[in-house]
PDB file of N, CA and C in Angstrom:
ATOM      1  N   UNK A   1      11.817  14.416  24.456  1.00  0.00           N
ATOM      2  CA  UNK A   1      11.307  13.583  24.254  1.00  0.00           C
ATOM      3  C   UNK A   1      11.256  13.170  22.697  1.00  0.00           C
ATOM      4  N   UNK A   2      11.361  11.901  21.878  1.00  0.00           N
ATOM      5  CA  UNK A   2      11.270  11.719  20.430  1.00  0.00           C
ATOM      6  C   UNK A   2      10.123  10.787  20.146  1.00  0.00           C
ATOM      7  N   UNK A   3       8.738  11.235  19.849  1.00  0.00           N
ATOM      8  CA  UNK A   3       7.715  10.738  19.770  1.00  0.00           C
ATOM      9  C   UNK A   3       7.299  10.879  18.366  1.00  0.00           C
ATOM     10  N   UNK A   4       5.840  10.219  18.327  1.00  0.00           N
ATOM     11  CA  UNK A   4       5.413  10.677  16.891  1.00  0.00           C
ATOM     12  C   UNK A   4       4.194  11.735  17.001  1.00  0.00           C
ATOM     13  N   UNK A   5       4.526  12.785  17.548  1.00  0.00           N
ATOM     14  CA  UNK A   5       3.947  13.989  17.518  1.00  0.00           C
ATOM     15  C   UNK A   5       3.486  14.405  16.003  1.00  0.00           C
ATOM     16  N   UNK A   6       2.068  14.506  15.799  1.00  0.00           N
ATOM     17  CA  UNK A   6       1.552  14.404  14.645  1.00  0.00           C
ATOM     18  C   UNK A   6       1.220  16.179  14.334  1.00  0.00           C
ATOM     19  N   UNK A   7       2.131  16.958  14.302  1.00  0.00           N
ATOM     20  CA  UNK A   7       1.986  18.322  14.267  1.00  0.00           C
ATOM     21  C   UNK A   7       2.705  18.227  12.748  1.00  0.00           C
ATOM     22  N   UNK A   8       2.071  18.823  12.070  1.00  0.00           N
ATOM     23  CA  UNK A   8       2.692  19.533  10.349  1.00  0.00           C
ATOM     24  C   UNK A   8       3.827  19.398  10.491  1.00  0.00           C
ATOM     25  N   UNK A   9       4.624  20.167  11.485  1.00  0.00           N
ATOM     26  CA  UNK A   9       6.042  20.401  11.245  1.00  0.00           C
ATOM     27  C   UNK A   9       7.299  19.438  11.964  1.00  0.00           C
ATOM     28  N   UNK A  10       6.336  18.305  12.342  1.00  0.00           N
ATOM     29  CA  UNK A  10       7.292  17.628  13.270  1.00  0.00           C
ATOM     30  C   UNK A  10       7.157  16.543  13.567  1.00  0.00           C
ATOM     31  N   UNK A  11       6.235  15.723  12.485  1.00  0.00           N
ATOM     32  CA  UNK A  11       6.020  14.295  12.277  1.00  0.00           C
ATOM     33  C   UNK A  11       7.376  13.629  11.640  1.00  0.00           C
ATOM     34  N   UNK A  12       7.970  13.053  12.374  1.00  0.00           N
ATOM     35  CA  UNK A  12       9.008  12.370  12.288  1.00  0.00           C
ATOM     36  C   UNK A  12       9.168  11.427  10.863  1.00  0.00           C
ATOM     37  N   UNK A  13       8.414  10.568  10.206  1.00  0.00           N
ATOM     38  CA  UNK A  13       7.999   9.999   9.177  1.00  0.00           C
ATOM     39  C   UNK A  13       7.685  10.369   8.420  1.00  0.00           C
ATOM     40  N   UNK A  14       8.094   9.693   7.131  1.00  0.00           N
ATOM     41  CA  UNK A  14       7.501  10.215   5.570  1.00  0.00           C
ATOM     42  C   UNK A  14       5.608  10.422   5.961  1.00  0.00           C
ATOM     43  N   UNK A  15       5.058  11.432   5.220  1.00  0.00           N
ATOM     44  CA  UNK A  15       3.860  12.065   5.235  1.00  0.00           C
ATOM     45  C   UNK A  15       2.846  10.788   5.034  1.00  0.00           C
ATOM     46  N   UNK A  16       3.015   9.735   4.485  1.00  0.00           N
ATOM     47  CA  UNK A  16       2.131   8.602   4.422  1.00  0.00           C
ATOM     48  C   UNK A  16       2.343   7.587   5.468  1.00  0.00           C
ATOM     49  N   UNK A  17       3.447   7.224   5.822  1.00  0.00           N
ATOM     50  CA  UNK A  17       4.027   6.616   6.896  1.00  0.00           C
ATOM     51  C   UNK A  17       2.893   6.287   7.993  1.00  0.00           C
ATOM     52  N   UNK A  18       3.075   5.154   8.937  1.00  0.00           N
ATOM     53  CA  UNK A  18       2.183   4.989  10.192  1.00  0.00           C
ATOM     54  C   UNK A  18       3.632   4.847  10.936  1.00  0.00           C
ATOM     55  N   UNK A  19       3.427   5.473  12.358  1.00  0.00           N
ATOM     56  CA  UNK A  19       4.411   5.902  13.606  1.00  0.00           C
ATOM     57  C   UNK A  19       3.778   5.074  14.628  1.00  0.00           C
ATOM     58  N   UNK A  20       4.681   4.534  15.379  1.00  0.00           N
ATOM     59  CA  UNK A  20       4.427   3.855  16.844  1.00  0.00           C
ATOM     60  C   UNK A  20       5.483   4.315  17.610  1.00  0.00           C
ATOM     61  N   UNK A  21       5.218   4.634  19.030  1.00  0.00           N
ATOM     62  CA  UNK A  21       6.016   5.573  20.029  1.00  0.00           C
ATOM     63  C   UNK A  21       6.593   3.852  20.421  1.00  0.00           C
ATOM     64  N   UNK A  22       7.926   4.192  20.707  1.00  0.00           N
ATOM     65  CA  UNK A  22       8.640   3.068  21.669  1.00  0.00           C
ATOM     66  C   UNK A  22       9.205   3.862  22.608  1.00  0.00           C
ATOM     67  N   UNK A  23       9.839   2.925  23.774  1.00  0.00           N
ATOM     68  CA  UNK A  23      10.549   3.729  24.934  1.00  0.00           C
ATOM     69  C   UNK A  23      11.644   4.594  24.200  1.00  0.00           C
ATOM     70  N   UNK A  24      11.462   6.261  24.764  1.00  0.00           N
ATOM     71  CA  UNK A  24      12.328   6.925  24.173  1.00  0.00           C
ATOM     72  C   UNK A  24      12.576   6.972  22.634  1.00  0.00           C
ATOM     73  N   UNK A  25      11.790   6.729  21.837  1.00  0.00           N
ATOM     74  CA  UNK A  25      11.805   6.775  20.296  1.00  0.00           C
ATOM     75  C   UNK A  25      10.646   6.509  19.857  1.00  0.00           C
ATOM     76  N   UNK A  26      10.833   5.609  18.574  1.00  0.00           N
ATOM     77  CA  UNK A  26       9.802   5.778  17.647  1.00  0.00           C
ATOM     78  C   UNK A  26      10.134   5.191  16.220  1.00  0.00           C
ATOM     79  N   UNK A  27       8.825   4.229  15.736  1.00  0.00           N
ATOM     80  CA  UNK A  27       9.106   3.604  14.386  1.00  0.00           C
ATOM     81  C   UNK A  27       8.185   3.670  13.396  1.00  0.00           C
ATOM     82  N   UNK A  28       8.919   3.962  12.446  1.00  0.00           N
ATOM     83  CA  UNK A  28       7.952   4.259  10.863  1.00  0.00           C
ATOM     84  C   UNK A  28       7.754   3.260  10.191  1.00  0.00           C
ATOM     85  N   UNK A  29       6.609   2.994   9.810  1.00  0.00           N
ATOM     86  CA  UNK A  29       6.503   1.737   8.503  1.00  0.00           C
ATOM     87  C   UNK A  29       5.657   2.329   7.495  1.00  0.00           C
ATOM     88  N   UNK A  30       5.908   1.958   6.524  1.00  0.00           N
ATOM     89  CA  UNK A  30       5.018   2.217   5.512  1.00  0.00           C
ATOM     90  C   UNK A  30       3.513   1.448   5.477  1.00  0.00           C
ATOM     91  N   UNK A  31       2.257   1.786   4.966  1.00  0.00           N
ATOM     92  CA  UNK A  31       1.101   1.282   5.431  1.00  0.00           C
ATOM     93  C   UNK A  31       1.023   0.045   3.875  1.00  0.00           C
ATOM     94  N   UNK A  32      -0.004  -0.938   4.360  1.00  0.00           N
ATOM     95  CA  UNK A  32      -0.060  -1.951   3.220  1.00  0.00           C
ATOM     96  C   UNK A  32      -0.101  -1.055   1.873  1.00  0.00           C
ATOM     97  N   UNK A  33       0.498  -2.056   0.719  1.00  0.00           N
ATOM     98  CA  UNK A  33       0.168  -1.646  -0.417  1.00  0.00           C
ATOM     99  C   UNK A  33       1.455  -0.347  -0.863  1.00  0.00           C
ATOM    100  N   UNK A  34       2.140  -0.359   0.263  1.00  0.00           N
ATOM    101  CA  UNK A  34       3.182   0.413  -0.473  1.00  0.00           C
ATOM    102  C   UNK A  34       4.620  -0.003   0.164  1.00  0.00           C
ATOM    103  N   UNK A  35       5.709   0.511  -0.436  1.00  0.00           N
ATOM    104  CA  UNK A  35       7.228  -0.237   0.325  1.00  0.00           C
ATOM    105  C   UNK A  35       7.917   0.992   0.644  1.00  0.00           C
ATOM    106  N   UNK A  36       9.018   0.867   1.339  1.00  0.00           N
ATOM    107  CA  UNK A  36       9.987   1.774   1.520  1.00  0.00           C
ATOM    108  C   UNK A  36      10.558   2.033   2.988  1.00  0.00           C
ATOM    109  N   UNK A  37      11.232   2.742   3.308  1.00  0.00           N
ATOM    110  CA  UNK A  37      11.875   2.542   4.880  1.00  0.00           C
ATOM    111  C   UNK A  37      10.588   3.122   5.731  1.00  0.00           C
ATOM    112  N   UNK A  38       9.671   3.655   5.321  1.00  0.00           N
ATOM    113  CA  UNK A  38       8.721   4.679   6.064  1.00  0.00           C
ATOM    114  C   UNK A  38       9.264   5.918   6.811  1.00  0.00           C
ATOM    115  N   UNK A  39      10.771   5.872   6.963  1.00  0.00           N
ATOM    116  CA  UNK A  39      11.314   7.418   7.347  1.00  0.00           C
ATOM    117  C   UNK A  39      11.264   8.498   6.250  1.00  0.00           C
ATOM    118  N   UNK A  40      12.171   7.682   5.066  1.00  0.00           N
ATOM    119  CA  UNK A  40      12.113   8.888   3.967  1.00  0.00           C
ATOM    120  C   UNK A  40      10.743   8.766   2.761  1.00  0.00           C
ATOM    121  N   UNK A  41      10.568   7.879   2.957  1.00  0.00           N
ATOM    122  CA  UNK A  41       9.962   7.268   1.613  1.00  0.00           C
ATOM    123  C   UNK A  41       9.151   6.274   1.922  1.00  0.00           C
ATOM    124  N   UNK A  42       8.035   6.212   1.025  1.00  0.00           N
ATOM    125  CA  UNK A  42       7.192   4.912   0.681  1.00  0.00           C
ATOM    126  C   UNK A  42       6.182   5.281  -0.115  1.00  0.00           C
ATOM    127  N   UNK A  43       6.544   4.148  -1.526  1.00  0.00           N
ATOM    128  CA  UNK A  43       6.244   4.546  -2.678  1.00  0.00           C
ATOM    129  C   UNK A  43       5.263   3.273  -2.855  1.00  0.00           C
ATOM    130  N   UNK A  44       4.143   3.617  -3.368  1.00  0.00           N
ATOM    131  CA  UNK A  44       2.756   2.532  -4.427  1.00  0.00           C
ATOM    132  C   UNK A  44       3.898   1.190  -4.543  1.00  0.00           C
ATOM    133  N   UNK A  45       3.257   0.007  -4.130  1.00  0.00           N
ATOM    134  CA  UNK A  45       3.841  -1.003  -4.568  1.00  0.00           C
ATOM    135  C   UNK A  45       2.707  -1.864  -5.926  1.00  0.00           C
ATOM    136  N   UNK A  46       3.320  -1.834  -7.090  1.00  0.00           N
ATOM    137  CA  UNK A  46       2.303  -2.083  -7.989  1.00  0.00           C
ATOM    138  C   UNK A  46       2.231  -3.617  -8.040  1.00  0.00           C
ATOM    139  N   UNK A  47       1.213  -4.272  -7.601  1.00  0.00           N
ATOM    140  CA  UNK A  47       1.036  -5.518  -7.286  1.00  0.00           C
ATOM    141  C   UNK A  47       0.931  -6.507  -8.856  1.00  0.00           C
ATOM    142  N   UNK A  48       0.290  -5.618  -9.578  1.00  0.00           N
ATOM    143  CA  UNK A  48       0.059  -5.868 -11.139  1.00  0.00           C
ATOM    144  C   UNK A  48       1.324  -6.285 -11.670  1.00  0.00           C
ATOM    145  N   UNK A  49       2.535  -5.556 -11.526  1.00  0.00           N
ATOM    146  CA  UNK A  49       3.501  -5.768 -12.418  1.00  0.00           C
ATOM    147  C   UNK A  49       4.238  -6.635 -11.865  1.00  0.00           C
ATOM    148  N   UNK A  50       4.459  -6.819 -10.354  1.00  0.00           N
ATOM    149  CA  UNK A  50       5.267  -7.811  -9.559  1.00  0.00           C
ATOM    150  C   UNK A  50       4.186  -9.390  -9.573  1.00  0.00           C
ATOM    151  N   UNK A  51       3.088  -8.989 -10.004  1.00  0.00           N
ATOM    152  CA  UNK A  51       2.517 -10.533 -10.140  1.00  0.00           C
ATOM    153  C   UNK A  51       1.878 -10.988  -8.803  1.00  0.00           C
ATOM    154  N   UNK A  52       2.054  -9.968  -7.929  1.00  0.00           N
ATOM    155  CA  UNK A  52       1.533 -10.449  -6.580  1.00  0.00           C
ATOM    156  C   UNK A  52       0.077 -10.169  -6.059  1.00  0.00           C
ATOM    157  N   UNK A  53      -0.930  -9.961  -7.258  1.00  0.00           N
ATOM    158  CA  UNK A  53      -2.214  -9.556  -6.953  1.00  0.00           C
ATOM    159  C   UNK A  53      -2.958 -11.224  -7.286  1.00  0.00           C
ATOM    160  N   UNK A  54      -3.980 -11.227  -6.578  1.00  0.00           N
ATOM    161  CA  UNK A  54      -4.871 -12.396  -6.732  1.00  0.00           C
ATOM    162  C   UNK A  54      -5.894 -12.271  -7.557  1.00  0.00           C
ATOM    163  N   UNK A  55      -6.040 -11.871  -8.882  1.00  0.00           N
ATOM    164  CA  UNK A  55      -6.743 -11.411  -9.950  1.00  0.00           C
ATOM    165  C   UNK A  55      -6.760 -12.767 -10.937  1.00  0.00           C
ATOM    166  N   UNK A  56      -7.913 -13.284 -11.125  1.00  0.00           N
ATOM    167  CA  UNK A  56      -8.145 -14.553 -12.258  1.00  0.00           C
ATOM    168  C   UNK A  56      -7.234 -14.242 -13.242  1.00  0.00           C
ATOM    169  N   UNK A  57      -6.829 -15.731 -13.926  1.00  0.00           N
ATOM    170  CA  UNK A  57      -5.862 -15.219 -14.781  1.00  0.00           C
ATOM    171  C   UNK A  57      -6.519 -14.942 -16.138  1.00  0.00           C
ATOM    172  N   UNK A  58      -7.488 -14.876 -16.451  1.00  0.00           N
ATOM    173  CA  UNK A  58      -8.399 -14.066 -17.318  1.00  0.00           C
ATOM    174  C   UNK A  58      -8.742 -12.663 -17.390  1.00  0.00           C
ATOM    175  N   UNK A  59      -8.668 -12.184 -15.707  1.00  0.00           N
ATOM    176  CA  UNK A  59      -9.004 -10.793 -15.680  1.00  0.00           C
ATOM    177  C   UNK A  59      -7.896  -9.745 -15.664  1.00  0.00           C
ATOM    178  N   UNK A  60      -8.160  -8.928 -15.679  1.00  0.00           N
ATOM    179  CA  UNK A  60      -7.067  -7.638 -15.898  1.00  0.00           C
ATOM    180  C   UNK A  60      -7.074  -7.141 -14.727  1.00  0.00           C
ATOM    181  N   UNK A  61      -5.725  -6.579 -14.283  1.00  0.00           N
ATOM    182  CA  UNK A  61      -5.315  -5.954 -13.124  1.00  0.00           C
ATOM    183  C   UNK A  61      -4.811  -4.636 -13.199  1.00  0.00           C
ATOM    184  N   UNK A  62      -5.668  -3.566 -12.725  1.00  0.00           N
ATOM    185  CA  UNK A  62      -5.260  -2.461 -12.599  1.00  0.00           C
ATOM    186  C   UNK A  62      -4.757  -2.023 -11.079  1.00  0.00           C
ATOM    187  N   UNK A  63      -3.449  -1.764 -11.328  1.00  0.00           N
ATOM    188  CA  UNK A  63      -2.656  -0.804  -9.992  1.00  0.00           C
ATOM    189  C   UNK A  63      -3.494   0.499  -9.746  1.00  0.00           C
ATOM    190  N   UNK A  64      -4.079   0.626  -8.595  1.00  0.00           N
ATOM    191  CA  UNK A  64      -4.287   2.044  -7.994  1.00  0.00           C
ATOM    192  C   UNK A  64      -3.240   2.112  -6.807  1.00  0.00           C
ATOM    193  N   UNK A  65      -3.332   3.331  -6.189  1.00  0.00           N
ATOM    194  CA  UNK A  65      -2.258   3.917  -5.343  1.00  0.00           C
ATOM    195  C   UNK A  65      -2.941   3.067  -3.708  1.00  0.00           C
ATOM    196  N   UNK A  66      -1.833   2.430  -3.558  1.00  0.00           N
ATOM    197  CA  UNK A  66      -1.856   1.450  -2.228  1.00  0.00           C
ATOM    198  C   UNK A  66      -2.672   0.021  -2.326  1.00  0.00           C
ATOM    199  N   UNK A  67      -3.314  -0.230  -3.655  1.00  0.00           N
ATOM    200  CA  UNK A  67      -3.750  -1.378  -4.022  1.00  0.00           C
ATOM    201  C   UNK A  67      -3.843  -1.643  -5.311  1.00  0.00           C
ATOM    202  N   UNK A  68      -5.090  -2.291  -5.939  1.00  0.00           N
ATOM    203  CA  UNK A  68      -5.259  -2.837  -7.502  1.00  0.00           C
ATOM    204  C   UNK A  68      -6.520  -3.186  -7.366  1.00  0.00           C
ATOM    205  N   UNK A  69      -6.765  -3.306  -8.664  1.00  0.00           N
ATOM    206  CA  UNK A  69      -8.411  -3.621  -9.079  1.00  0.00           C
ATOM    207  C   UNK A  69      -8.329  -5.021  -9.716  1.00  0.00           C
ATOM    208  N   UNK A  70      -9.113  -5.965  -9.916  1.00  0.00           N
ATOM    209  CA  UNK A  70      -8.915  -6.955 -10.650  1.00  0.00           C
ATOM    210  C   UNK A  70     -10.702  -6.680 -11.573  1.00  0.00           C
ATOM    211  N   UNK A  71     -10.536  -6.863 -12.758  1.00  0.00           N
ATOM    212  CA  UNK A  71     -11.843  -6.680 -13.355  1.00  0.00           C
ATOM    213  C   UNK A  71     -11.890  -8.164 -14.657  1.00  0.00           C
ATOM    214  N   UNK A  72     -13.075  -8.505 -14.441  1.00  0.00           N
ATOM    215  CA  UNK A  72     -13.336  -9.586 -15.612  1.00  0.00           C
ATOM    216  C   UNK A  72     -13.267  -9.195 -16.776  1.00  0.00           C
ATOM    217  N   UNK A  73     -13.096 -10.049 -18.274  1.00  0.00           N
ATOM    218  CA  UNK A  73     -13.599  -9.479 -19.283  1.00  0.00           C
ATOM    219  C   UNK A  73     -14.591  -9.521 -19.922  1.00  0.00           C
ATOM    220  N   UNK A  74     -14.894  -8.728 -20.763  1.00  0.00           N
ATOM    221  CA  UNK A  74     -16.297  -8.639 -21.369  1.00  0.00           C
ATOM    222  C   UNK A  74     -16.578 -10.097 -21.613  1.00  0.00           C
ATOM    223  N   UNK A  75     -17.855 -10.389 -21.294  1.00  0.00           N
ATOM    224  CA  UNK A  75     -18.331 -11.972 -21.676  1.00  0.00           C
ATOM    225  C   UNK A  75     -18.350 -12.964 -20.217  1.00  0.00           C
ATOM    226  N   UNK A  76     -17.748 -12.418 -19.605  1.00  0.00           N
ATOM    227  CA  UNK A  76     -17.395 -13.026 -17.921  1.00  0.00           C
ATOM    228  C   UNK A  76     -17.807 -12.304 -16.674  1.00  0.00           C
ATOM    229  N   UNK A  77     -18.392 -13.110 -16.072  1.00  0.00           N
ATOM    230  CA  UNK A  77     -19.037 -12.709 -14.572  1.00  0.00           C
ATOM    231  C   UNK A  77     -18.343 -13.154 -13.290  1.00  0.00           C
ATOM    232  N   UNK A  78     -18.153 -12.031 -12.190  1.00  0.00           N
ATOM    233  CA  UNK A  78     -17.248 -11.916 -11.282  1.00  0.00           C
ATOM    234  C   UNK A  78     -16.746 -11.170 -10.735  1.00  0.00           C
ATOM    235  N   UNK A  79     -15.954 -11.259  -9.435  1.00  0.00           N
ATOM    236  CA  UNK A  79     -15.625 -10.008  -8.926  1.00  0.00           C
ATOM    237  C   UNK A  79     -13.955  -9.635  -9.107  1.00  0.00           C
ATOM    238  N   UNK A  80     -13.792 -10.594 -10.157  1.00  0.00           N
ATOM    239  CA  UNK A  80     -12.301 -10.326 -10.807  1.00  0.00           C
ATOM    240  C   UNK A  80     -11.276 -11.305 -10.271  1.00  0.00           C
ATOM    241  N   UNK A  81     -11.476 -11.661  -9.161  1.00  0.00           N
ATOM    242  CA  UNK A  81     -10.450 -12.828  -8.485  1.00  0.00           C
ATOM    243  C   UNK A  81     -11.191 -14.065  -8.675  1.00  0.00           C
ATOM    244  N   UNK A  82     -12.728 -14.247  -9.621  1.00  0.00           N
ATOM    245  CA  UNK A  82     -13.173 -15.076  -9.991  1.00  0.00           C
ATOM    246  C   UNK A  82     -13.787 -14.815 -11.085  1.00  0.00           C
ATOM    247  N   UNK A  83     -13.885 -15.449 -12.268  1.00  0.00           N
ATOM    248  CA  UNK A  83     -14.423 -14.740 -13.912  1.00  0.00           C
ATOM    249  C   UNK A  83     -14.970 -16.324 -14.298  1.00  0.00           C
ATOM    250  N   UNK A  84     -16.179 -16.446 -14.382  1.00  0.00           N
ATOM    251  CA  UNK A  84     -17.012 -17.735 -15.235  1.00  0.00           C
ATOM    252  C   UNK A  84     -17.747 -16.805 -16.100  1.00  0.00           C
TER     253      UNK A  84
END
């Protein structure tokens, strides 16, 4: 049986991938914030570079592994998605 056995030497997916058992097999996919096939690779998606973040137009966007952080500039207040 081929499945998502999580033993270190037999996990069929990329090391950070998610795995789901199916009838007689399995599927692998990368977690949110990553892209790739889930089987051989999952690499960080740079939402800042791609412009897929939701930071305010005056905020800075910092890519972090699997996500990003928005930060308002000095003199502004807010969570980075809204700066006033």
